[in-house]
Amino acid sequence: MIEVIVTNLSLQVDRRILDHQSYVIEVDSWDDLVSKLKDTSWTFTDEHEKHKGILHRNTDEVANLKYDDYHLSFSQYGGRRVLMYIKDRVIIQ
């Protein structure tokens, strides 16, 4: 299991932030999380209690999914943007 920081942003039409909420969830793996978000047949309904704050797929489709080895972001209907980051990920350059 890994911990992921999730931040929900409520945006206005001009992309100004109206509100935000951050929390930590536990997932089996980063790859599993990405796979579920890419899979259009999977919904958040079954795991809503596990991943509180992530809205059900049937009401808010995931769009503009972008990710790398430790960042993930997507947009949802109604001006919501979701950002995810693996907790305690350290970047050494």
N, C-alpha and C. Protein backbone atom coordinates (compact mmCIF):
# COMPACT_ATOMS: atom_id res chain seq x y z
N MET A 1 0.84 -1.19 0.00
CA MET A 1 0.00 0.00 0.00
C MET A 1 0.88 1.25 0.00
N ILE A 2 0.40 2.26 -0.71
CA ILE A 2 1.08 3.55 -0.70
C ILE A 2 0.05 4.62 -0.33
N GLU A 3 0.54 5.74 0.18
CA GLU A 3 -0.33 6.86 0.50
C GLU A 3 -0.22 7.90 -0.60
N VAL A 4 -1.37 8.45 -0.98
CA VAL A 4 -1.44 9.44 -2.05
C VAL A 4 -2.16 10.66 -1.52
N ILE A 5 -1.58 11.83 -1.73
CA ILE A 5 -2.22 13.09 -1.37
C ILE A 5 -3.12 13.49 -2.52
N VAL A 6 -4.39 13.73 -2.22
CA VAL A 6 -5.38 14.13 -3.22
C VAL A 6 -5.80 15.56 -2.91
N THR A 7 -5.80 16.42 -3.93
CA THR A 7 -6.29 17.78 -3.77
C THR A 7 -7.37 18.03 -4.80
N ASN A 8 -8.55 18.41 -4.33
CA ASN A 8 -9.66 18.79 -5.20
C ASN A 8 -9.69 20.31 -5.28
N LEU A 9 -9.71 20.85 -6.48
CA LEU A 9 -9.82 22.29 -6.69
C LEU A 9 -11.14 22.60 -7.37
N SER A 10 -11.90 23.53 -6.84
CA SER A 10 -13.10 24.04 -7.49
C SER A 10 -12.69 25.32 -8.20
N LEU A 11 -12.88 25.34 -9.52
CA LEU A 11 -12.41 26.45 -10.34
C LEU A 11 -13.55 27.23 -10.95
N GLN A 12 -13.35 28.55 -11.08
CA GLN A 12 -14.29 29.38 -11.82
C GLN A 12 -13.99 29.23 -13.30
N VAL A 13 -14.84 29.80 -14.14
CA VAL A 13 -14.66 29.72 -15.60
C VAL A 13 -13.30 30.29 -16.01
N ASP A 14 -12.84 31.35 -15.34
CA ASP A 14 -11.55 31.95 -15.67
C ASP A 14 -10.38 31.23 -14.98
N ARG A 15 -10.66 30.04 -14.40
CA ARG A 15 -9.69 29.16 -13.78
C ARG A 15 -9.16 29.66 -12.43
N ARG A 16 -9.81 30.67 -11.85
CA ARG A 16 -9.45 31.07 -10.49
C ARG A 16 -9.98 30.03 -9.51
N ILE A 17 -9.21 29.77 -8.47
CA ILE A 17 -9.60 28.76 -7.48
C ILE A 17 -10.65 29.35 -6.54
N LEU A 18 -11.79 28.67 -6.46
CA LEU A 18 -12.85 29.06 -5.53
C LEU A 18 -12.67 28.39 -4.17
N ASP A 19 -12.28 27.13 -4.20
CA ASP A 19 -12.16 26.36 -2.97
C ASP A 19 -11.22 25.19 -3.23
N HIS A 20 -10.69 24.62 -2.17
CA HIS A 20 -9.83 23.45 -2.30
C HIS A 20 -9.96 22.56 -1.07
N GLN A 21 -9.60 21.30 -1.25
CA GLN A 21 -9.65 20.32 -0.17
C GLN A 21 -8.55 19.31 -0.45
N SER A 22 -7.76 18.99 0.56
CA SER A 22 -6.70 17.98 0.41
C SER A 22 -6.85 16.93 1.50
N TYR A 23 -6.51 15.71 1.16
CA TYR A 23 -6.58 14.59 2.09
C TYR A 23 -5.68 13.48 1.58
N VAL A 24 -5.47 12.46 2.40
CA VAL A 24 -4.59 11.34 2.04
C VAL A 24 -5.44 10.08 1.91
N ILE A 25 -5.19 9.32 0.84
CA ILE A 25 -5.83 8.02 0.66
C ILE A 25 -4.76 6.95 0.57
N GLU A 26 -5.13 5.71 0.82
CA GLU A 26 -4.23 4.58 0.62
C GLU A 26 -4.71 3.80 -0.58
N VAL A 27 -3.77 3.44 -1.46
CA VAL A 27 -4.08 2.64 -2.65
C VAL A 27 -3.09 1.48 -2.71
N ASP A 28 -3.48 0.44 -3.42
CA ASP A 28 -2.60 -0.73 -3.53
C ASP A 28 -1.29 -0.38 -4.23
N SER A 29 -1.39 0.36 -5.32
CA SER A 29 -0.19 0.78 -6.05
C SER A 29 -0.55 1.97 -6.94
N TRP A 30 0.45 2.71 -7.33
CA TRP A 30 0.27 3.85 -8.22
C TRP A 30 -0.25 3.37 -9.57
N ASP A 31 0.33 2.29 -10.10
CA ASP A 31 -0.09 1.75 -11.39
C ASP A 31 -1.54 1.31 -11.36
N ASP A 32 -1.98 0.73 -10.25
CA ASP A 32 -3.37 0.30 -10.11
C ASP A 32 -4.31 1.51 -10.13
N LEU A 33 -3.95 2.57 -9.44
CA LEU A 33 -4.76 3.80 -9.44
C LEU A 33 -4.87 4.38 -10.84
N VAL A 34 -3.75 4.48 -11.54
CA VAL A 34 -3.75 5.02 -12.91
C VAL A 34 -4.61 4.15 -13.81
N SER A 35 -4.46 2.84 -13.69
CA SER A 35 -5.24 1.92 -14.53
C SER A 35 -6.74 2.09 -14.30
N LYS A 36 -7.15 2.24 -13.05
CA LYS A 36 -8.56 2.42 -12.76
C LYS A 36 -9.09 3.73 -13.35
N LEU A 37 -8.31 4.78 -13.28
CA LEU A 37 -8.75 6.05 -13.83
C LEU A 37 -8.81 6.02 -15.35
N LYS A 38 -7.95 5.24 -15.98
CA LYS A 38 -7.95 5.12 -17.44
C LYS A 38 -9.07 4.21 -17.94
N ASP A 39 -9.55 3.30 -17.11
CA ASP A 39 -10.55 2.31 -17.49
C ASP A 39 -11.94 2.93 -17.41
N THR A 40 -12.57 3.16 -18.55
CA THR A 40 -13.87 3.82 -18.56
C THR A 40 -15.00 2.94 -18.03
N SER A 41 -14.76 1.63 -17.89
CA SER A 41 -15.80 0.76 -17.35
C SER A 41 -15.78 0.72 -15.82
N TRP A 42 -14.69 1.16 -15.22
CA TRP A 42 -14.58 1.17 -13.76
C TRP A 42 -15.25 2.43 -13.22
N THR A 43 -15.95 2.31 -12.12
CA THR A 43 -16.55 3.49 -11.49
C THR A 43 -16.05 3.62 -10.07
N PHE A 44 -16.20 4.81 -9.52
CA PHE A 44 -15.81 5.06 -8.14
C PHE A 44 -16.83 4.51 -7.16
N THR A 45 -17.99 4.10 -7.64
CA THR A 45 -19.08 3.68 -6.75
C THR A 45 -18.64 2.61 -5.76
N ASP A 46 -17.98 1.56 -6.24
CA ASP A 46 -17.59 0.45 -5.38
C ASP A 46 -16.58 0.85 -4.31
N GLU A 47 -15.77 1.84 -4.59
CA GLU A 47 -14.71 2.20 -3.66
C GLU A 47 -14.88 3.61 -3.09
N HIS A 48 -16.07 4.15 -3.17
CA HIS A 48 -16.29 5.53 -2.73
C HIS A 48 -15.92 5.72 -1.26
N GLU A 49 -16.29 4.78 -0.42
CA GLU A 49 -15.96 4.91 1.00
C GLU A 49 -14.45 4.84 1.24
N LYS A 50 -13.77 4.04 0.42
CA LYS A 50 -12.32 3.92 0.56
C LYS A 50 -11.61 5.20 0.11
N HIS A 51 -12.12 5.80 -0.95
CA HIS A 51 -11.50 7.00 -1.54
C HIS A 51 -12.46 8.17 -1.37
N LYS A 52 -12.72 8.56 -0.15
CA LYS A 52 -13.66 9.65 0.11
C LYS A 52 -13.24 10.92 -0.64
N GLY A 53 -14.22 11.62 -1.16
CA GLY A 53 -13.96 12.88 -1.84
C GLY A 53 -13.82 12.75 -3.34
N ILE A 54 -13.54 11.55 -3.83
CA ILE A 54 -13.48 11.36 -5.28
C ILE A 54 -14.89 11.02 -5.73
N LEU A 55 -15.46 11.83 -6.60
CA LEU A 55 -16.85 11.65 -6.97
C LEU A 55 -17.05 10.44 -7.87
N HIS A 56 -18.26 9.92 -7.86
CA HIS A 56 -18.61 8.76 -8.67
C HIS A 56 -18.44 9.07 -10.16
N ARG A 57 -17.95 8.09 -10.89
CA ARG A 57 -17.72 8.25 -12.33
C ARG A 57 -19.02 8.56 -13.07
N ASN A 58 -20.15 8.05 -12.59
CA ASN A 58 -21.39 8.26 -13.32
C ASN A 58 -21.89 9.70 -13.26
N THR A 59 -21.35 10.51 -12.36
CA THR A 59 -21.74 11.91 -12.29
C THR A 59 -20.63 12.85 -12.76
N ASP A 60 -19.41 12.41 -12.68
CA ASP A 60 -18.28 13.27 -13.06
C ASP A 60 -17.24 12.48 -13.84
N GLU A 61 -17.34 12.51 -15.15
CA GLU A 61 -16.39 11.79 -15.99
C GLU A 61 -14.98 12.37 -15.84
N VAL A 62 -14.01 11.51 -15.88
CA VAL A 62 -12.61 11.93 -15.84
C VAL A 62 -12.21 12.39 -17.23
N ALA A 63 -11.61 13.58 -17.32
CA ALA A 63 -11.15 14.12 -18.60
C ALA A 63 -9.74 14.66 -18.42
N ASN A 64 -9.00 14.74 -19.49
CA ASN A 64 -7.65 15.31 -19.48
C ASN A 64 -6.74 14.64 -18.46
N LEU A 65 -6.80 13.32 -18.38
CA LEU A 65 -5.96 12.58 -17.45
C LEU A 65 -4.49 12.69 -17.86
N LYS A 66 -3.67 13.16 -16.95
CA LYS A 66 -2.22 13.28 -17.18
C LYS A 66 -1.51 12.70 -15.97
N TYR A 67 -0.44 11.98 -16.20
CA TYR A 67 0.27 11.37 -15.07
C TYR A 67 1.70 11.03 -15.46
N ASP A 68 2.53 10.87 -14.42
CA ASP A 68 3.88 10.35 -14.58
C ASP A 68 4.10 9.37 -13.42
N ASP A 69 5.32 9.17 -13.01
CA ASP A 69 5.61 8.18 -11.98
C ASP A 69 5.14 8.56 -10.58
N TYR A 70 4.77 9.82 -10.36
CA TYR A 70 4.35 10.24 -9.02
C TYR A 70 3.34 11.37 -8.99
N HIS A 71 3.02 12.00 -10.14
CA HIS A 71 1.99 13.04 -10.23
C HIS A 71 0.82 12.51 -11.06
N LEU A 72 -0.37 13.02 -10.78
CA LEU A 72 -1.54 12.67 -11.58
C LEU A 72 -2.51 13.83 -11.49
N SER A 73 -3.17 14.15 -12.60
CA SER A 73 -4.20 15.18 -12.57
C SER A 73 -5.27 14.86 -13.60
N PHE A 74 -6.49 15.33 -13.31
CA PHE A 74 -7.57 15.21 -14.28
C PHE A 74 -8.62 16.27 -13.97
N SER A 75 -9.49 16.50 -14.95
CA SER A 75 -10.58 17.46 -14.81
C SER A 75 -11.89 16.69 -14.70
N GLN A 76 -12.87 17.33 -14.08
CA GLN A 76 -14.21 16.78 -14.00
C GLN A 76 -15.21 17.87 -14.34
N TYR A 77 -16.39 17.46 -14.77
CA TYR A 77 -17.46 18.37 -15.11
C TYR A 77 -17.75 19.31 -13.94
N GLY A 78 -18.06 20.54 -14.26
CA GLY A 78 -18.45 21.49 -13.22
C GLY A 78 -17.30 22.30 -12.66
N GLY A 79 -16.15 22.28 -13.31
CA GLY A 79 -15.05 23.11 -12.86
C GLY A 79 -14.21 22.52 -11.76
N ARG A 80 -14.18 21.22 -11.66
CA ARG A 80 -13.34 20.58 -10.64
C ARG A 80 -12.07 20.04 -11.29
N ARG A 81 -10.97 20.25 -10.61
CA ARG A 81 -9.67 19.71 -11.03
C ARG A 81 -9.15 18.88 -9.86
N VAL A 82 -8.64 17.69 -10.15
CA VAL A 82 -8.13 16.80 -9.11
C VAL A 82 -6.64 16.58 -9.35
N LEU A 83 -5.85 16.78 -8.31
CA LEU A 83 -4.41 16.57 -8.35
C LEU A 83 -4.06 15.47 -7.36
N MET A 84 -3.16 14.57 -7.76
CA MET A 84 -2.70 13.51 -6.86
C MET A 84 -1.19 13.43 -6.90
N TYR A 85 -0.60 13.07 -5.77
CA TYR A 85 0.84 13.02 -5.63
C TYR A 85 1.18 11.95 -4.61
N ILE A 86 2.16 11.12 -4.90
CA ILE A 86 2.57 10.09 -3.94
C ILE A 86 3.19 10.77 -2.73
N LYS A 87 2.63 10.47 -1.57
CA LYS A 87 3.09 11.09 -0.32
C LYS A 87 4.55 10.68 -0.04
N ASP A 88 5.32 11.64 0.44
CA ASP A 88 6.73 11.45 0.82
C ASP A 88 7.64 11.12 -0.35
N ARG A 89 7.19 11.39 -1.56
CA ARG A 89 8.03 11.18 -2.73
C ARG A 89 9.12 12.26 -2.74
N VAL A 90 10.37 11.84 -2.77
CA VAL A 90 11.50 12.78 -2.74
C VAL A 90 12.16 12.77 -4.11
N ILE A 91 12.36 13.95 -4.67
CA ILE A 91 13.00 14.08 -5.97
C ILE A 91 14.43 14.56 -5.73
N ILE A 92 15.39 13.80 -6.19
CA ILE A 92 16.80 14.19 -6.09
C ILE A 92 17.31 14.47 -7.49
N GLN A 93 17.83 15.69 -7.68
CA GLN A 93 18.29 16.06 -9.02
C GLN A 93 19.77 16.28 -9.02
